[in-house]
Amino acid sequence: MVHGGLKSIGCYAMTDRYINEIYPYVENALQNGQYEIQVNIYPFKMTSSNMNRHRNSRYYTFWRQLQPAYEYFTKAN
């Protein structure tokens, strides 16, 4: 269920530009025997400066919960 077209049929919808960036990784993983592909998607690069810039957003409390996972992901990859 990885596709573009900016529509969703029970999956995560995105623009064609972004799916064109992601799909080659998925295709390569499947061709090499991987059955599952984990995709981590964040609303923006959740650096301290960006978090501060978005501090007045109504989503800020939720984003603060995501931020440690973003940091872990960027360090681990």
PDB file of N, CA and C in Angstrom:
ATOM      1  N   MET A   1       0.826  -1.199   0.000  1.00  0.00           N
ATOM      2  CA  MET A   1       0.000   0.000   0.000  1.00  0.00           C
ATOM      3  C   MET A   1       0.859   1.247   0.000  1.00  0.00           C
ATOM      4  N   VAL A   2       1.894   1.251  -0.766  1.00  0.00           N
ATOM      5  CA  VAL A   2       2.736   2.433  -0.915  1.00  0.00           C
ATOM      6  C   VAL A   2       2.442   3.011  -2.289  1.00  0.00           C
ATOM      7  N   HIS A   3       1.911   4.194  -2.319  1.00  0.00           N
ATOM      8  CA  HIS A   3       1.560   4.820  -3.588  1.00  0.00           C
ATOM      9  C   HIS A   3       1.484   6.323  -3.439  1.00  0.00           C
ATOM     10  N   GLY A   4       1.396   7.014  -4.543  1.00  0.00           N
ATOM     11  CA  GLY A   4       1.245   8.465  -4.574  1.00  0.00           C
ATOM     12  C   GLY A   4      -0.179   8.825  -4.952  1.00  0.00           C
ATOM     13  N   GLY A   5      -0.322   9.917  -5.709  1.00  0.00           N
ATOM     14  CA  GLY A   5      -1.632  10.336  -6.161  1.00  0.00           C
ATOM     15  C   GLY A   5      -2.399  11.169  -5.157  1.00  0.00           C
ATOM     16  N   LEU A   6      -1.831  11.370  -3.974  1.00  0.00           N
ATOM     17  CA  LEU A   6      -2.444  12.150  -2.906  1.00  0.00           C
ATOM     18  C   LEU A   6      -3.866  11.702  -2.591  1.00  0.00           C
ATOM     19  N   LYS A   7      -4.074  10.379  -2.561  1.00  0.00           N
ATOM     20  CA  LYS A   7      -5.364   9.838  -2.135  1.00  0.00           C
ATOM     21  C   LYS A   7      -5.106   8.608  -1.293  1.00  0.00           C
ATOM     22  N   SER A   8      -6.050   8.265  -0.460  1.00  0.00           N
ATOM     23  CA  SER A   8      -5.854   7.148   0.451  1.00  0.00           C
ATOM     24  C   SER A   8      -7.025   6.186   0.372  1.00  0.00           C
ATOM     25  N   ILE A   9      -6.685   4.910   0.362  1.00  0.00           N
ATOM     26  CA  ILE A   9      -7.687   3.854   0.454  1.00  0.00           C
ATOM     27  C   ILE A   9      -7.248   2.991   1.633  1.00  0.00           C
ATOM     28  N   GLY A  10      -7.194   3.608   2.806  1.00  0.00           N
ATOM     29  CA  GLY A  10      -6.758   2.919   4.005  1.00  0.00           C
ATOM     30  C   GLY A  10      -5.259   2.956   4.221  1.00  0.00           C
ATOM     31  N   CYS A  11      -4.561   3.784   3.494  1.00  0.00           N
ATOM     32  CA  CYS A  11      -3.114   3.888   3.649  1.00  0.00           C
ATOM     33  C   CYS A  11      -2.719   5.355   3.830  1.00  0.00           C
ATOM     34  N   TYR A  12      -1.442   5.595   3.991  1.00  0.00           N
ATOM     35  CA  TYR A  12      -0.933   6.946   4.196  1.00  0.00           C
ATOM     36  C   TYR A  12      -0.807   7.652   2.851  1.00  0.00           C
ATOM     37  N   ALA A  13      -1.547   8.718   2.642  1.00  0.00           N
ATOM     38  CA  ALA A  13      -1.544   9.435   1.366  1.00  0.00           C
ATOM     39  C   ALA A  13      -0.435  10.481   1.338  1.00  0.00           C
ATOM     40  N   MET A  14       0.216  10.634   0.198  1.00  0.00           N
ATOM     41  CA  MET A  14       1.255  11.638   0.016  1.00  0.00           C
ATOM     42  C   MET A  14       1.299  12.047  -1.441  1.00  0.00           C
ATOM     43  N   THR A  15       2.042  13.085  -1.716  1.00  0.00           N
ATOM     44  CA  THR A  15       2.167  13.545  -3.098  1.00  0.00           C
ATOM     45  C   THR A  15       3.072  12.611  -3.887  1.00  0.00           C
ATOM     46  N   ASP A  16       2.975  12.681  -5.202  1.00  0.00           N
ATOM     47  CA  ASP A  16       3.827  11.862  -6.063  1.00  0.00           C
ATOM     48  C   ASP A  16       5.303  12.189  -5.841  1.00  0.00           C
ATOM     49  N   ARG A  17       5.625  13.447  -5.573  1.00  0.00           N
ATOM     50  CA  ARG A  17       7.015  13.838  -5.345  1.00  0.00           C
ATOM     51  C   ARG A  17       7.629  13.028  -4.201  1.00  0.00           C
ATOM     52  N   TYR A  18       6.892  12.885  -3.104  1.00  0.00           N
ATOM     53  CA  TYR A  18       7.424  12.163  -1.959  1.00  0.00           C
ATOM     54  C   TYR A  18       7.437  10.649  -2.187  1.00  0.00           C
ATOM     55  N   ILE A  19       6.427  10.125  -2.853  1.00  0.00           N
ATOM     56  CA  ILE A  19       6.432   8.689  -3.099  1.00  0.00           C
ATOM     57  C   ILE A  19       7.564   8.320  -4.049  1.00  0.00           C
ATOM     58  N   ASN A  20       7.898   9.203  -4.969  1.00  0.00           N
ATOM     59  CA  ASN A  20       9.024   8.942  -5.868  1.00  0.00           C
ATOM     60  C   ASN A  20      10.345   8.880  -5.117  1.00  0.00           C
ATOM     61  N   GLU A  21      10.404   9.528  -3.980  1.00  0.00           N
ATOM     62  CA  GLU A  21      11.598   9.475  -3.132  1.00  0.00           C
ATOM     63  C   GLU A  21      11.630   8.181  -2.308  1.00  0.00           C
ATOM     64  N   ILE A  22      10.484   7.732  -1.843  1.00  0.00           N
ATOM     65  CA  ILE A  22      10.389   6.572  -0.960  1.00  0.00           C
ATOM     66  C   ILE A  22      10.351   5.251  -1.726  1.00  0.00           C
ATOM     67  N   TYR A  23       9.662   5.204  -2.839  1.00  0.00           N
ATOM     68  CA  TYR A  23       9.393   3.940  -3.519  1.00  0.00           C
ATOM     69  C   TYR A  23      10.644   3.145  -3.893  1.00  0.00           C
ATOM     70  N   PRO A  24      11.715   3.763  -4.384  1.00  0.00           N
ATOM     71  CA  PRO A  24      12.908   2.960  -4.704  1.00  0.00           C
ATOM     72  C   PRO A  24      13.444   2.170  -3.507  1.00  0.00           C
ATOM     73  N   TYR A  25      13.356   2.722  -2.306  1.00  0.00           N
ATOM     74  CA  TYR A  25      13.784   1.996  -1.108  1.00  0.00           C
ATOM     75  C   TYR A  25      12.889   0.784  -0.863  1.00  0.00           C
ATOM     76  N   VAL A  26      11.595   0.981  -1.028  1.00  0.00           N
ATOM     77  CA  VAL A  26      10.638  -0.102  -0.827  1.00  0.00           C
ATOM     78  C   VAL A  26      10.868  -1.197  -1.863  1.00  0.00           C
ATOM     79  N   GLU A  27      10.996  -0.813  -3.109  1.00  0.00           N
ATOM     80  CA  GLU A  27      11.205  -1.779  -4.185  1.00  0.00           C
ATOM     81  C   GLU A  27      12.478  -2.594  -3.957  1.00  0.00           C
ATOM     82  N   ASN A  28      13.548  -1.926  -3.582  1.00  0.00           N
ATOM     83  CA  ASN A  28      14.813  -2.611  -3.318  1.00  0.00           C
ATOM     84  C   ASN A  28      14.687  -3.587  -2.147  1.00  0.00           C
ATOM     85  N   ALA A  29      14.011  -3.169  -1.096  1.00  0.00           N
ATOM     86  CA  ALA A  29      13.822  -4.044   0.065  1.00  0.00           C
ATOM     87  C   ALA A  29      13.032  -5.284  -0.311  1.00  0.00           C
ATOM     88  N   LEU A  30      11.950  -5.122  -1.055  1.00  0.00           N
ATOM     89  CA  LEU A  30      11.134  -6.265  -1.454  1.00  0.00           C
ATOM     90  C   LEU A  30      11.900  -7.208  -2.370  1.00  0.00           C
ATOM     91  N   GLN A  31      12.666  -6.653  -3.297  1.00  0.00           N
ATOM     92  CA  GLN A  31      13.438  -7.483  -4.225  1.00  0.00           C
ATOM     93  C   GLN A  31      14.537  -8.268  -3.509  1.00  0.00           C
ATOM     94  N   ASN A  32      14.946  -7.807  -2.350  1.00  0.00           N
ATOM     95  CA  ASN A  32      15.994  -8.479  -1.588  1.00  0.00           C
ATOM     96  C   ASN A  32      15.443  -9.312  -0.434  1.00  0.00           C
ATOM     97  N   GLY A  33      14.159  -9.656  -0.506  1.00  0.00           N
ATOM     98  CA  GLY A  33      13.579 -10.587   0.442  1.00  0.00           C
ATOM     99  C   GLY A  33      12.981 -10.001   1.699  1.00  0.00           C
ATOM    100  N   GLN A  34      12.949  -8.699   1.814  1.00  0.00           N
ATOM    101  CA  GLN A  34      12.345  -8.082   2.998  1.00  0.00           C
ATOM    102  C   GLN A  34      10.837  -8.045   2.795  1.00  0.00           C
ATOM    103  N   TYR A  35      10.069  -8.466   3.809  1.00  0.00           N
ATOM    104  CA  TYR A  35       8.611  -8.540   3.682  1.00  0.00           C
ATOM    105  C   TYR A  35       7.890  -7.347   4.293  1.00  0.00           C
ATOM    106  N   GLU A  36       8.566  -6.617   5.138  1.00  0.00           N
ATOM    107  CA  GLU A  36       7.973  -5.444   5.770  1.00  0.00           C
ATOM    108  C   GLU A  36       8.937  -4.278   5.647  1.00  0.00           C
ATOM    109  N   ILE A  37       8.371  -3.081   5.504  1.00  0.00           N
ATOM    110  CA  ILE A  37       9.175  -1.872   5.399  1.00  0.00           C
ATOM    111  C   ILE A  37       8.637  -0.871   6.419  1.00  0.00           C
ATOM    112  N   GLN A  38       9.496  -0.457   7.329  1.00  0.00           N
ATOM    113  CA  GLN A  38       9.088   0.526   8.328  1.00  0.00           C
ATOM    114  C   GLN A  38       9.398   1.920   7.791  1.00  0.00           C
ATOM    115  N   VAL A  39       8.404   2.785   7.805  1.00  0.00           N
ATOM    116  CA  VAL A  39       8.566   4.161   7.343  1.00  0.00           C
ATOM    117  C   VAL A  39       8.244   5.081   8.516  1.00  0.00           C
ATOM    118  N   ASN A  40       9.180   5.957   8.848  1.00  0.00           N
ATOM    119  CA  ASN A  40       8.976   6.936   9.916  1.00  0.00           C
ATOM    120  C   ASN A  40       8.727   8.285   9.280  1.00  0.00           C
ATOM    121  N   ILE A  41       7.592   8.880   9.603  1.00  0.00           N
ATOM    122  CA  ILE A  41       7.210  10.162   9.010  1.00  0.00           C
ATOM    123  C   ILE A  41       6.946  11.158  10.131  1.00  0.00           C
ATOM    124  N   TYR A  42       7.588  12.291  10.033  1.00  0.00           N
ATOM    125  CA  TYR A  42       7.437  13.358  11.022  1.00  0.00           C
ATOM    126  C   TYR A  42       6.932  14.614  10.324  1.00  0.00           C
ATOM    127  N   PRO A  43       6.274  15.505  11.053  1.00  0.00           N
ATOM    128  CA  PRO A  43       5.690  16.691  10.411  1.00  0.00           C
ATOM    129  C   PRO A  43       6.728  17.681   9.879  1.00  0.00           C
ATOM    130  N   PHE A  44       7.955  17.642  10.409  1.00  0.00           N
ATOM    131  CA  PHE A  44       9.055  18.500   9.981  1.00  0.00           C
ATOM    132  C   PHE A  44      10.312  17.983  10.661  1.00  0.00           C
ATOM    133  N   LYS A  45      11.473  18.502  10.298  1.00  0.00           N
ATOM    134  CA  LYS A  45      12.701  18.126  11.004  1.00  0.00           C
ATOM    135  C   LYS A  45      12.580  18.661  12.427  1.00  0.00           C
ATOM    136  N   MET A  46      12.489  17.779  13.373  1.00  0.00           N
ATOM    137  CA  MET A  46      12.142  18.153  14.737  1.00  0.00           C
ATOM    138  C   MET A  46      13.364  18.495  15.585  1.00  0.00           C
ATOM    139  N   THR A  47      14.203  19.354  15.045  1.00  0.00           N
ATOM    140  CA  THR A  47      15.354  19.861  15.778  1.00  0.00           C
ATOM    141  C   THR A  47      14.868  20.810  16.869  1.00  0.00           C
ATOM    142  N   SER A  48      15.734  21.129  17.803  1.00  0.00           N
ATOM    143  CA  SER A  48      15.353  22.053  18.882  1.00  0.00           C
ATOM    144  C   SER A  48      14.907  23.397  18.322  1.00  0.00           C
ATOM    145  N   SER A  49      15.628  23.901  17.335  1.00  0.00           N
ATOM    146  CA  SER A  49      15.262  25.207  16.768  1.00  0.00           C
ATOM    147  C   SER A  49      13.915  25.148  16.055  1.00  0.00           C
ATOM    148  N   ASN A  50      13.641  24.064  15.336  1.00  0.00           N
ATOM    149  CA  ASN A  50      12.334  23.945  14.677  1.00  0.00           C
ATOM    150  C   ASN A  50      11.216  23.743  15.678  1.00  0.00           C
ATOM    151  N   MET A  51      11.478  22.988  16.738  1.00  0.00           N
ATOM    152  CA  MET A  51      10.459  22.819  17.775  1.00  0.00           C
ATOM    153  C   MET A  51      10.127  24.179  18.393  1.00  0.00           C
ATOM    154  N   ASN A  52      11.150  24.968  18.645  1.00  0.00           N
ATOM    155  CA  ASN A  52      10.934  26.302  19.204  1.00  0.00           C
ATOM    156  C   ASN A  52      10.145  27.185  18.235  1.00  0.00           C
ATOM    157  N   ARG A  53      10.441  27.068  16.963  1.00  0.00           N
ATOM    158  CA  ARG A  53       9.741  27.867  15.949  1.00  0.00           C
ATOM    159  C   ARG A  53       8.252  27.511  15.899  1.00  0.00           C
ATOM    160  N   HIS A  54       7.905  26.258  16.174  1.00  0.00           N
ATOM    161  CA  HIS A  54       6.511  25.802  16.114  1.00  0.00           C
ATOM    162  C   HIS A  54       5.848  25.736  17.492  1.00  0.00           C
ATOM    163  N   ARG A  55       6.442  26.364  18.483  1.00  0.00           N
ATOM    164  CA  ARG A  55       5.958  26.242  19.863  1.00  0.00           C
ATOM    165  C   ARG A  55       4.543  26.775  20.068  1.00  0.00           C
ATOM    166  N   ASN A  56       4.042  27.632  19.192  1.00  0.00           N
ATOM    167  CA  ASN A  56       2.694  28.183  19.351  1.00  0.00           C
ATOM    168  C   ASN A  56       1.634  27.395  18.589  1.00  0.00           C
ATOM    169  N   SER A  57       2.033  26.313  17.957  1.00  0.00           N
ATOM    170  CA  SER A  57       1.081  25.478  17.220  1.00  0.00           C
ATOM    171  C   SER A  57       0.165  24.732  18.182  1.00  0.00           C
ATOM    172  N   ARG A  58      -1.035  24.519  17.777  1.00  0.00           N
ATOM    173  CA  ARG A  58      -1.961  23.749  18.610  1.00  0.00           C
ATOM    174  C   ARG A  58      -1.537  22.286  18.706  1.00  0.00           C
ATOM    175  N   TYR A  59      -0.649  21.841  17.837  1.00  0.00           N
ATOM    176  CA  TYR A  59      -0.152  20.469  17.845  1.00  0.00           C
ATOM    177  C   TYR A  59       1.144  20.308  18.637  1.00  0.00           C
ATOM    178  N   TYR A  60       1.639  21.367  19.218  1.00  0.00           N
ATOM    179  CA  TYR A  60       2.948  21.342  19.865  1.00  0.00           C
ATOM    180  C   TYR A  60       3.065  20.261  20.946  1.00  0.00           C
ATOM    181  N   THR A  61       2.056  20.107  21.769  1.00  0.00           N
ATOM    182  CA  THR A  61       2.109  19.101  22.833  1.00  0.00           C
ATOM    183  C   THR A  61       2.282  17.707  22.236  1.00  0.00           C
ATOM    184  N   PHE A  62       1.554  17.410  21.177  1.00  0.00           N
ATOM    185  CA  PHE A  62       1.697  16.129  20.498  1.00  0.00           C
ATOM    186  C   PHE A  62       3.082  15.996  19.880  1.00  0.00           C
ATOM    187  N   TRP A  63       3.565  17.050  19.231  1.00  0.00           N
ATOM    188  CA  TRP A  63       4.874  17.009  18.591  1.00  0.00           C
ATOM    189  C   TRP A  63       5.998  16.791  19.602  1.00  0.00           C
ATOM    190  N   ARG A  64       5.827  17.327  20.803  1.00  0.00           N
ATOM    191  CA  ARG A  64       6.850  17.101  21.840  1.00  0.00           C
ATOM    192  C   ARG A  64       6.949  15.616  22.193  1.00  0.00           C
ATOM    193  N   GLN A  65       5.847  14.895  22.065  1.00  0.00           N
ATOM    194  CA  GLN A  65       5.880  13.451  22.312  1.00  0.00           C
ATOM    195  C   GLN A  65       6.621  12.717  21.191  1.00  0.00           C
ATOM    196  N   LEU A  66       6.533  13.226  19.969  1.00  0.00           N
ATOM    197  CA  LEU A  66       7.206  12.610  18.827  1.00  0.00           C
ATOM    198  C   LEU A  66       8.698  12.941  18.776  1.00  0.00           C
ATOM    199  N   GLN A  67       9.064  14.066  19.330  1.00  0.00           N
ATOM    200  CA  GLN A  67      10.425  14.583  19.187  1.00  0.00           C
ATOM    201  C   GLN A  67      11.508  13.624  19.681  1.00  0.00           C
ATOM    202  N   PRO A  68      11.361  12.935  20.816  1.00  0.00           N
ATOM    203  CA  PRO A  68      12.399  11.975  21.219  1.00  0.00           C
ATOM    204  C   PRO A  68      12.573  10.837  20.206  1.00  0.00           C
ATOM    205  N   ALA A  69      11.490  10.380  19.612  1.00  0.00           N
ATOM    206  CA  ALA A  69      11.587   9.337  18.587  1.00  0.00           C
ATOM    207  C   ALA A  69      12.313   9.874  17.350  1.00  0.00           C
ATOM    208  N   TYR A  70      12.041  11.118  16.991  1.00  0.00           N
ATOM    209  CA  TYR A  70      12.746  11.745  15.864  1.00  0.00           C
ATOM    210  C   TYR A  70      14.249  11.790  16.142  1.00  0.00           C
ATOM    211  N   GLU A  71      14.620  12.206  17.336  1.00  0.00           N
ATOM    212  CA  GLU A  71      16.039  12.259  17.689  1.00  0.00           C
ATOM    213  C   GLU A  71      16.693  10.889  17.639  1.00  0.00           C
ATOM    214  N   TYR A  72      15.999   9.889  18.163  1.00  0.00           N
ATOM    215  CA  TYR A  72      16.522   8.532  18.126  1.00  0.00           C
ATOM    216  C   TYR A  72      16.702   8.070  16.669  1.00  0.00           C
ATOM    217  N   PHE A  73      15.674   8.324  15.860  1.00  0.00           N
ATOM    218  CA  PHE A  73      15.716   7.917  14.459  1.00  0.00           C
ATOM    219  C   PHE A  73      16.875   8.572  13.715  1.00  0.00           C
ATOM    220  N   THR A  74      17.091   9.866  13.930  1.00  0.00           N
ATOM    221  CA  THR A  74      18.168  10.555  13.206  1.00  0.00           C
ATOM    222  C   THR A  74      19.546  10.086  13.668  1.00  0.00           C
ATOM    223  N   LYS A  75      19.682   9.709  14.922  1.00  0.00           N
ATOM    224  CA  LYS A  75      20.969   9.212  15.412  1.00  0.00           C
ATOM    225  C   LYS A  75      21.221   7.774  14.977  1.00  0.00           C
ATOM    226  N   ALA A  76      20.173   6.973  14.905  1.00  0.00           N
ATOM    227  CA  ALA A  76      20.311   5.555  14.569  1.00  0.00           C
ATOM    228  C   ALA A  76      20.452   5.316  13.071  1.00  0.00           C
ATOM    229  N   ASN A  77      20.068   6.282  12.277  1.00  0.00           N
ATOM    230  CA  ASN A  77      20.115   6.084  10.821  1.00  0.00           C
ATOM    231  C   ASN A  77      21.079   7.057  10.248  1.00  0.00           C
TER     232      ASN A  77
END
